[in-house]
Amino acid sequence: MTLTGDGFAARHGMLAAGYGSRPDPDDPSQVLAMPIVLHIPKVDPPARSDLLAAAATATVALCLDARVGPDEDGEPGPWQHALREWTDARIRKVARRARGAQWLAAQEVDGVTVDVGGAQARALVPGQVGALDPRIRKLQIGGTDLEHDEPGPVEPGLPILWVNASLDMTVGKAAAQVGHASMILAGAMTLERARLWAEDGYRCAVRDADPQRWAQLCDEVARGAAVAVRDAGFTEVAPGSMTVIAPIP
């Protein structure tokens, strides 16, 4: 596809502008979050790195989807209000696992599904946690993890999201974090580089960073050559922890 119109530029501009810090509502059920559904079948589960790459790609693909709008005529898309309300607050994500009929049912809920090497993830349009679609609410958040794998070399030129291995995050937590990273990375790219990434289907690689690699990546963040995700600390990790770093291509 060719992405040259003002619609894509406006959607990219939303990510480039950063994210709000609107205080949470008093009612926890009104907190906004993006659900990410991870397809983890009981038999022959996917490779962890591929599943995380699918989650990252699905997230940024949803954020820059034409259905967010505006379209090429400047009209808002059906997902625009939900995305903008969400990005004006904390960009929370909650990953849930599904298999079989549950996974098929999740395809009926507004979102974007991505397959990476047979690993599948679906990012859904954000909304209030208390108004979550029943087909998604029934899915478990925890309880299943995947072993760390050793994927091969990364294709030259492919964006890499480096996960802080020392935090030992579950696959669900890591999926949310790489989803944050793909959004921040897209916003840090120039518009033309973001268009090229879109034309390549937002493909990316996810890799674990050992302490030596992580120290080098932190230096890149300090130089402005990479973006970092700093977690709010609601689950699993301490507040302010850097969870994922992505060099800016």
C-alpha atoms as a PDB file:
ATOM      1  CA  MET A   1       0.000   0.000   0.000  1.00  0.00           C
ATOM      2  CA  THR A   2       1.071   3.611  -0.538  1.00  0.00           C
ATOM      3  CA  LEU A   3       0.639   5.981   2.372  1.00  0.00           C
ATOM      4  CA  THR A   4       1.092   9.525   1.145  1.00  0.00           C
ATOM      5  CA  GLY A   5      -2.041  11.373   2.279  1.00  0.00           C
ATOM      6  CA  ASP A   6      -2.602  13.738   5.175  1.00  0.00           C
ATOM      7  CA  GLY A   7      -4.585  11.082   7.049  1.00  0.00           C
ATOM      8  CA  PHE A   8      -1.521   9.019   7.834  1.00  0.00           C
ATOM      9  CA  ALA A   9       0.439  12.149   8.719  1.00  0.00           C
ATOM     10  CA  ALA A  10      -2.257  13.137  11.226  1.00  0.00           C
ATOM     11  CA  ARG A  11      -2.263   9.696  12.812  1.00  0.00           C
ATOM     12  CA  HIS A  12       1.515   9.712  13.045  1.00  0.00           C
ATOM     13  CA  GLY A  13       1.338  13.185  14.541  1.00  0.00           C
ATOM     14  CA  MET A  14      -0.865  11.847  17.334  1.00  0.00           C
ATOM     15  CA  LEU A  15       1.894   9.407  18.344  1.00  0.00           C
ATOM     16  CA  ALA A  16       4.643  11.972  17.828  1.00  0.00           C
ATOM     17  CA  ALA A  17       2.875  14.366  20.209  1.00  0.00           C
ATOM     18  CA  GLY A  18       3.361  11.955  23.101  1.00  0.00           C
ATOM     19  CA  TYR A  19       0.859  10.913  25.732  1.00  0.00           C
ATOM     20  CA  GLY A  20      -1.183  12.637  28.369  1.00  0.00           C
ATOM     21  CA  SER A  21      -1.142  12.253  32.115  1.00  0.00           C
ATOM     22  CA  ARG A  22      -4.806  12.811  32.885  1.00  0.00           C
ATOM     23  CA  PRO A  23      -5.489  11.605  36.429  1.00  0.00           C
ATOM     24  CA  ASP A  24      -7.251   8.292  36.773  1.00  0.00           C
ATOM     25  CA  PRO A  25     -11.003   8.493  37.362  1.00  0.00           C
ATOM     26  CA  ASP A  26     -12.232   7.834  40.886  1.00  0.00           C
ATOM     27  CA  ASP A  27     -14.144   4.824  39.590  1.00  0.00           C
ATOM     28  CA  PRO A  28     -11.578   2.100  38.654  1.00  0.00           C
ATOM     29  CA  SER A  29     -14.028   0.634  36.144  1.00  0.00           C
ATOM     30  CA  GLN A  30     -13.651   3.819  34.066  1.00  0.00           C
ATOM     31  CA  VAL A  31      -9.883   3.466  33.650  1.00  0.00           C
ATOM     32  CA  LEU A  32      -8.979   3.225  29.953  1.00  0.00           C
ATOM     33  CA  ALA A  33      -6.823   0.366  28.645  1.00  0.00           C
ATOM     34  CA  MET A  34      -5.985  -1.357  25.386  1.00  0.00           C
ATOM     35  CA  PRO A  35      -6.555  -5.120  25.537  1.00  0.00           C
ATOM     36  CA  ILE A  36      -4.015  -7.320  23.739  1.00  0.00           C
ATOM     37  CA  VAL A  37      -5.066 -10.907  23.115  1.00  0.00           C
ATOM     38  CA  LEU A  38      -2.246 -13.439  22.789  1.00  0.00           C
ATOM     39  CA  HIS A  39      -2.953 -16.694  20.982  1.00  0.00           C
ATOM     40  CA  ILE A  40      -1.302 -19.352  23.147  1.00  0.00           C
ATOM     41  CA  PRO A  41      -2.634 -22.803  22.233  1.00  0.00           C
ATOM     42  CA  LYS A  42      -2.031 -25.630  24.670  1.00  0.00           C
ATOM     43  CA  VAL A  43      -0.399 -27.768  21.983  1.00  0.00           C
ATOM     44  CA  ASP A  44       2.546 -26.332  20.056  1.00  0.00           C
ATOM     45  CA  PRO A  45       2.609 -22.838  21.617  1.00  0.00           C
ATOM     46  CA  PRO A  46       4.428 -20.076  19.723  1.00  0.00           C
ATOM     47  CA  ALA A  47       7.960 -18.854  20.302  1.00  0.00           C
ATOM     48  CA  ARG A  48       8.034 -16.116  22.923  1.00  0.00           C
ATOM     49  CA  SER A  49      10.026 -13.653  20.785  1.00  0.00           C
ATOM     50  CA  ASP A  50       7.668 -14.082  17.812  1.00  0.00           C
ATOM     51  CA  LEU A  51       4.585 -13.623  20.002  1.00  0.00           C
ATOM     52  CA  LEU A  52       6.005 -10.433  21.496  1.00  0.00           C
ATOM     53  CA  ALA A  53       6.851  -9.125  18.025  1.00  0.00           C
ATOM     54  CA  ALA A  54       3.277  -9.851  16.956  1.00  0.00           C
ATOM     55  CA  ALA A  55       1.939  -7.931  19.966  1.00  0.00           C
ATOM     56  CA  ALA A  56       4.192  -4.951  19.253  1.00  0.00           C
ATOM     57  CA  THR A  57       3.284  -4.887  15.573  1.00  0.00           C
ATOM     58  CA  ALA A  58      -0.445  -5.253  16.219  1.00  0.00           C
ATOM     59  CA  THR A  59      -0.369  -2.345  18.667  1.00  0.00           C
ATOM     60  CA  VAL A  60       1.299   0.179  16.382  1.00  0.00           C
ATOM     61  CA  ALA A  61      -0.715  -1.049  13.401  1.00  0.00           C
ATOM     62  CA  LEU A  62      -3.941  -0.342  15.277  1.00  0.00           C
ATOM     63  CA  CYS A  63      -2.777   3.120  16.336  1.00  0.00           C
ATOM     64  CA  LEU A  64      -1.960   4.080  12.736  1.00  0.00           C
ATOM     65  CA  ASP A  65      -4.892   2.259  11.122  1.00  0.00           C
ATOM     66  CA  ALA A  66      -7.072   4.291   8.735  1.00  0.00           C
ATOM     67  CA  ARG A  67     -10.063   3.491  10.941  1.00  0.00           C
ATOM     68  CA  VAL A  68      -8.565   5.738  13.599  1.00  0.00           C
ATOM     69  CA  GLY A  69      -8.809   8.635  11.173  1.00  0.00           C
ATOM     70  CA  PRO A  70      -8.824  11.218   9.972  1.00  0.00           C
ATOM     71  CA  ASP A  71      -9.286   9.720   6.530  1.00  0.00           C
ATOM     72  CA  GLU A  72      -7.908  11.284   3.368  1.00  0.00           C
ATOM     73  CA  ASP A  73     -10.839  13.732   3.384  1.00  0.00           C
ATOM     74  CA  GLY A  74     -10.175  14.791   6.960  1.00  0.00           C
ATOM     75  CA  GLU A  75     -13.126  12.915   8.409  1.00  0.00           C
ATOM     76  CA  PRO A  76     -12.737  11.126  11.759  1.00  0.00           C
ATOM     77  CA  GLY A  77     -12.641   7.350  11.727  1.00  0.00           C
ATOM     78  CA  PRO A  78     -14.783   5.087  13.912  1.00  0.00           C
ATOM     79  CA  TRP A  79     -11.848   4.389  16.242  1.00  0.00           C
ATOM     80  CA  GLN A  80     -10.587   7.963  16.531  1.00  0.00           C
ATOM     81  CA  HIS A  81     -12.400   9.063  19.679  1.00  0.00           C
ATOM     82  CA  ALA A  82     -11.430   5.917  21.602  1.00  0.00           C
ATOM     83  CA  LEU A  83      -7.763   6.177  20.626  1.00  0.00           C
ATOM     84  CA  ARG A  84      -7.501   9.868  21.409  1.00  0.00           C
ATOM     85  CA  GLU A  85      -9.225   9.545  24.754  1.00  0.00           C
ATOM     86  CA  TRP A  86      -6.793   6.748  25.613  1.00  0.00           C
ATOM     87  CA  THR A  87      -3.627   8.535  24.477  1.00  0.00           C
ATOM     88  CA  ASP A  88      -4.647  11.605  26.485  1.00  0.00           C
ATOM     89  CA  ALA A  89      -4.407   9.459  29.618  1.00  0.00           C
ATOM     90  CA  ARG A  90      -1.925   6.798  30.740  1.00  0.00           C
ATOM     91  CA  ILE A  91      -1.356   4.328  27.900  1.00  0.00           C
ATOM     92  CA  ARG A  92      -2.310   1.233  29.842  1.00  0.00           C
ATOM     93  CA  LYS A  93      -2.448  -2.156  28.150  1.00  0.00           C
ATOM     94  CA  VAL A  94      -3.655  -5.485  29.512  1.00  0.00           C
ATOM     95  CA  ALA A  95      -2.614  -8.713  27.778  1.00  0.00           C
ATOM     96  CA  ARG A  96      -4.864 -11.760  27.949  1.00  0.00           C
ATOM     97  CA  ARG A  97      -4.384 -15.242  26.560  1.00  0.00           C
ATOM     98  CA  ALA A  98      -6.766 -17.164  24.332  1.00  0.00           C
ATOM     99  CA  ARG A  99      -6.970 -20.451  22.489  1.00  0.00           C
ATOM    100  CA  GLY A 100      -9.439 -22.302  20.304  1.00  0.00           C
ATOM    101  CA  ALA A 101     -12.941 -20.822  20.244  1.00  0.00           C
ATOM    102  CA  GLN A 102     -11.835 -17.983  22.525  1.00  0.00           C
ATOM    103  CA  TRP A 103      -9.287 -16.836  19.965  1.00  0.00           C
ATOM    104  CA  LEU A 104     -11.841 -17.031  17.150  1.00  0.00           C
ATOM    105  CA  ALA A 105     -14.321 -14.995  19.204  1.00  0.00           C
ATOM    106  CA  ALA A 106     -11.693 -12.309  19.821  1.00  0.00           C
ATOM    107  CA  GLN A 107     -11.479 -11.751  16.067  1.00  0.00           C
ATOM    108  CA  GLU A 108     -15.024 -10.383  16.159  1.00  0.00           C
ATOM    109  CA  VAL A 109     -14.018  -7.524  18.476  1.00  0.00           C
ATOM    110  CA  ASP A 110     -12.661  -4.347  16.837  1.00  0.00           C
ATOM    111  CA  GLY A 111      -8.905  -4.552  16.503  1.00  0.00           C
ATOM    112  CA  VAL A 112      -5.922  -5.695  14.437  1.00  0.00           C
ATOM    113  CA  THR A 113      -4.447  -9.207  14.341  1.00  0.00           C
ATOM    114  CA  VAL A 114      -0.835  -9.868  13.382  1.00  0.00           C
ATOM    115  CA  ASP A 115       0.934 -13.161  12.672  1.00  0.00           C
ATOM    116  CA  VAL A 116       4.700 -13.423  13.092  1.00  0.00           C
ATOM    117  CA  GLY A 117       6.145 -16.825  12.281  1.00  0.00           C
ATOM    118  CA  GLY A 118       2.890 -18.498  13.289  1.00  0.00           C
ATOM    119  CA  ALA A 119       2.607 -16.506  16.539  1.00  0.00           C
ATOM    120  CA  GLN A 120      -0.551 -14.421  16.637  1.00  0.00           C
ATOM    121  CA  ALA A 121      -1.650 -11.426  18.698  1.00  0.00           C
ATOM    122  CA  ARG A 122      -4.615  -9.086  18.403  1.00  0.00           C
ATOM    123  CA  ALA A 123      -4.614  -5.497  19.694  1.00  0.00           C
ATOM    124  CA  LEU A 124      -8.105  -4.217  20.442  1.00  0.00           C
ATOM    125  CA  VAL A 125      -9.519  -0.702  20.415  1.00  0.00           C
ATOM    126  CA  PRO A 126      -9.047   0.794  23.913  1.00  0.00           C
ATOM    127  CA  GLY A 127     -11.964   1.379  26.229  1.00  0.00           C
ATOM    128  CA  GLN A 128     -13.060   1.429  29.842  1.00  0.00           C
ATOM    129  CA  VAL A 129     -11.997  -1.685  31.724  1.00  0.00           C
ATOM    130  CA  GLY A 130     -15.462  -1.934  33.217  1.00  0.00           C
ATOM    131  CA  ALA A 131     -17.072  -1.960  29.781  1.00  0.00           C
ATOM    132  CA  LEU A 132     -14.840  -4.674  28.306  1.00  0.00           C
ATOM    133  CA  ASP A 133     -16.511  -6.925  25.764  1.00  0.00           C
ATOM    134  CA  PRO A 134     -17.654 -10.134  27.536  1.00  0.00           C
ATOM    135  CA  ARG A 135     -15.779 -12.224  24.972  1.00  0.00           C
ATOM    136  CA  ILE A 136     -12.556 -10.579  26.137  1.00  0.00           C
ATOM    137  CA  ARG A 137     -13.380 -10.211  29.827  1.00  0.00           C
ATOM    138  CA  LYS A 138     -13.571 -13.980  30.246  1.00  0.00           C
ATOM    139  CA  LEU A 139      -9.990 -14.458  29.020  1.00  0.00           C
ATOM    140  CA  GLN A 140      -7.318 -15.047  31.638  1.00  0.00           C
ATOM    141  CA  ILE A 141      -4.686 -12.399  32.241  1.00  0.00           C
ATOM    142  CA  GLY A 142      -2.091 -14.660  33.876  1.00  0.00           C
ATOM    143  CA  GLY A 143      -1.397 -18.316  34.388  1.00  0.00           C
ATOM    144  CA  THR A 144       0.463 -19.152  31.202  1.00  0.00           C
ATOM    145  CA  ASP A 145       3.995 -18.120  30.321  1.00  0.00           C
ATOM    146  CA  LEU A 146       6.432 -19.037  27.563  1.00  0.00           C
ATOM    147  CA  GLU A 147      10.068 -20.001  27.878  1.00  0.00           C
ATOM    148  CA  HIS A 148      12.664 -17.541  26.666  1.00  0.00           C
ATOM    149  CA  ASP A 149      13.857 -18.631  23.237  1.00  0.00           C
ATOM    150  CA  GLU A 150      16.995 -17.961  21.233  1.00  0.00           C
ATOM    151  CA  PRO A 151      15.881 -16.529  17.890  1.00  0.00           C
ATOM    152  CA  GLY A 152      18.270 -16.109  15.005  1.00  0.00           C
ATOM    153  CA  PRO A 153      19.919 -12.912  13.793  1.00  0.00           C
ATOM    154  CA  VAL A 154      17.758  -9.891  13.081  1.00  0.00           C
ATOM    155  CA  GLU A 155      17.162  -8.911   9.476  1.00  0.00           C
ATOM    156  CA  PRO A 156      19.219  -5.793   8.634  1.00  0.00           C
ATOM    157  CA  GLY A 157      17.188  -2.607   8.927  1.00  0.00           C
ATOM    158  CA  LEU A 158      14.414  -4.166  11.010  1.00  0.00           C
ATOM    159  CA  PRO A 159      13.524  -2.149  14.138  1.00  0.00           C
ATOM    160  CA  ILE A 160      14.528  -3.993  17.311  1.00  0.00           C
ATOM    161  CA  LEU A 161      12.743  -3.766  20.649  1.00  0.00           C
ATOM    162  CA  TRP A 162      15.130  -4.799  23.405  1.00  0.00           C
ATOM    163  CA  VAL A 163      13.528  -6.197  26.572  1.00  0.00           C
ATOM    164  CA  ASN A 164      15.276  -5.770  29.924  1.00  0.00           C
ATOM    165  CA  ALA A 165      15.978  -9.434  30.690  1.00  0.00           C
ATOM    166  CA  SER A 166      16.933  -8.695  34.297  1.00  0.00           C
ATOM    167  CA  LEU A 167      13.294  -7.881  35.126  1.00  0.00           C
ATOM    168  CA  ASP A 168      12.157 -11.407  34.178  1.00  0.00           C
ATOM    169  CA  MET A 169       8.716 -10.204  33.078  1.00  0.00           C
ATOM    170  CA  THR A 170       5.935 -12.640  32.235  1.00  0.00           C
ATOM    171  CA  VAL A 171       4.977 -12.881  28.579  1.00  0.00           C
ATOM    172  CA  GLY A 172       1.797 -10.897  29.264  1.00  0.00           C
ATOM    173  CA  LYS A 173       3.645  -8.056  30.968  1.00  0.00           C
ATOM    174  CA  ALA A 174       6.323  -8.055  28.262  1.00  0.00           C
ATOM    175  CA  ALA A 175       3.634  -7.943  25.548  1.00  0.00           C
ATOM    176  CA  ALA A 176       2.183  -4.781  27.050  1.00  0.00           C
ATOM    177  CA  GLN A 177       5.645  -3.228  27.322  1.00  0.00           C
ATOM    178  CA  VAL A 178       6.710  -3.928  23.735  1.00  0.00           C
ATOM    179  CA  GLY A 179       3.322  -2.561  22.671  1.00  0.00           C
ATOM    180  CA  HIS A 180       4.187   0.679  24.446  1.00  0.00           C
ATOM    181  CA  ALA A 181       7.617   0.637  22.787  1.00  0.00           C
ATOM    182  CA  SER A 182       6.305   0.233  19.242  1.00  0.00           C
ATOM    183  CA  MET A 183       4.011   3.240  19.693  1.00  0.00           C
ATOM    184  CA  ILE A 184       6.759   5.424  21.159  1.00  0.00           C
ATOM    185  CA  LEU A 185       9.190   4.326  18.447  1.00  0.00           C
ATOM    186  CA  ALA A 186       6.746   5.171  15.659  1.00  0.00           C
ATOM    187  CA  GLY A 187       6.243   8.622  17.121  1.00  0.00           C
ATOM    188  CA  ALA A 188      10.011   9.170  17.351  1.00  0.00           C
ATOM    189  CA  MET A 189      10.496   8.292  13.672  1.00  0.00           C
ATOM    190  CA  THR A 190      10.303  10.913  10.985  1.00  0.00           C
ATOM    191  CA  LEU A 191       7.063  10.858   9.036  1.00  0.00           C
ATOM    192  CA  GLU A 192       8.785   9.401   5.984  1.00  0.00           C
ATOM    193  CA  ARG A 193      10.466   6.660   8.026  1.00  0.00           C
ATOM    194  CA  ALA A 194       7.140   5.840   9.668  1.00  0.00           C
ATOM    195  CA  ARG A 195       5.522   5.548   6.235  1.00  0.00           C
ATOM    196  CA  LEU A 196       8.224   3.120   5.151  1.00  0.00           C
ATOM    197  CA  TRP A 197       7.643   1.085   8.307  1.00  0.00           C
ATOM    198  CA  ALA A 198       3.918   1.033   7.604  1.00  0.00           C
ATOM    199  CA  GLU A 199       4.513  -0.162   4.059  1.00  0.00           C
ATOM    200  CA  ASP A 200       6.573  -3.013   5.542  1.00  0.00           C
ATOM    201  CA  GLY A 201       3.675  -3.984   7.808  1.00  0.00           C
ATOM    202  CA  TYR A 202       5.365  -2.568  10.939  1.00  0.00           C
ATOM    203  CA  ARG A 203       7.583  -5.629  11.134  1.00  0.00           C
ATOM    204  CA  CYS A 204       9.969  -5.614  14.072  1.00  0.00           C
ATOM    205  CA  ALA A 205      12.083  -7.955  16.156  1.00  0.00           C
ATOM    206  CA  VAL A 206      11.991  -8.454  19.917  1.00  0.00           C
ATOM    207  CA  ARG A 207      15.120  -9.579  21.716  1.00  0.00           C
ATOM    208  CA  ASP A 208      16.238  -9.953  25.337  1.00  0.00           C
ATOM    209  CA  ALA A 209      19.046  -7.631  26.409  1.00  0.00           C
ATOM    210  CA  ASP A 210      21.643  -8.939  28.852  1.00  0.00           C
ATOM    211  CA  PRO A 211      23.187  -6.479  31.355  1.00  0.00           C
ATOM    212  CA  GLN A 212      26.041  -5.478  29.034  1.00  0.00           C
ATOM    213  CA  ARG A 213      23.721  -4.845  26.081  1.00  0.00           C
ATOM    214  CA  TRP A 214      21.272  -3.025  28.354  1.00  0.00           C
ATOM    215  CA  ALA A 215      23.979  -0.649  29.574  1.00  0.00           C
ATOM    216  CA  GLN A 216      24.866   0.187  25.959  1.00  0.00           C
ATOM    217  CA  LEU A 217      21.202   0.778  25.160  1.00  0.00           C
ATOM    218  CA  CYS A 218      20.824   3.096  28.160  1.00  0.00           C
ATOM    219  CA  ASP A 219      23.677   5.159  26.742  1.00  0.00           C
ATOM    220  CA  GLU A 220      21.759   5.392  23.451  1.00  0.00           C
ATOM    221  CA  VAL A 221      18.696   6.635  25.322  1.00  0.00           C
ATOM    222  CA  ALA A 222      20.816   9.287  27.036  1.00  0.00           C
ATOM    223  CA  ARG A 223      22.113  10.409  23.620  1.00  0.00           C
ATOM    224  CA  GLY A 224      18.617  10.600  22.165  1.00  0.00           C
ATOM    225  CA  ALA A 225      19.327   7.743  19.759  1.00  0.00           C
ATOM    226  CA  ALA A 226      16.786   5.368  21.315  1.00  0.00           C
ATOM    227  CA  VAL A 227      13.445   5.494  23.082  1.00  0.00           C
ATOM    228  CA  ALA A 228      12.652   3.798  26.373  1.00  0.00           C
ATOM    229  CA  VAL A 229       9.538   2.556  28.142  1.00  0.00           C
ATOM    230  CA  ARG A 230       9.410   3.476  31.828  1.00  0.00           C
ATOM    231  CA  ASP A 231       6.789   1.476  33.650  1.00  0.00           C
ATOM    232  CA  ALA A 232       4.361   3.017  36.124  1.00  0.00           C
ATOM    233  CA  GLY A 233       4.871   0.049  38.421  1.00  0.00           C
ATOM    234  CA  PHE A 234       1.283  -1.153  38.748  1.00  0.00           C
ATOM    235  CA  THR A 235       2.280  -4.800  38.220  1.00  0.00           C
ATOM    236  CA  GLU A 236       5.427  -6.962  38.394  1.00  0.00           C
ATOM    237  CA  VAL A 237       8.121  -4.255  38.280  1.00  0.00           C
ATOM    238  CA  ALA A 238       9.084  -1.270  40.412  1.00  0.00           C
ATOM    239  CA  PRO A 239       7.781   2.185  39.406  1.00  0.00           C
ATOM    240  CA  GLY A 240      10.078   3.907  36.948  1.00  0.00           C
ATOM    241  CA  SER A 241      11.745   0.711  35.743  1.00  0.00           C
ATOM    242  CA  MET A 242      12.969   0.839  32.152  1.00  0.00           C
ATOM    243  CA  THR A 243      11.437  -2.224  30.568  1.00  0.00           C
ATOM    244  CA  VAL A 244      12.086  -1.891  26.822  1.00  0.00           C
ATOM    245  CA  ILE A 245      14.493   0.180  24.747  1.00  0.00           C
ATOM    246  CA  ALA A 246      14.239   0.638  20.968  1.00  0.00           C
ATOM    247  CA  PRO A 247      16.949   2.360  18.906  1.00  0.00           C
ATOM    248  CA  ILE A 248      15.483   4.910  16.487  1.00  0.00           C
ATOM    249  CA  PRO A 249      16.135   3.847  12.884  1.00  0.00           C
END
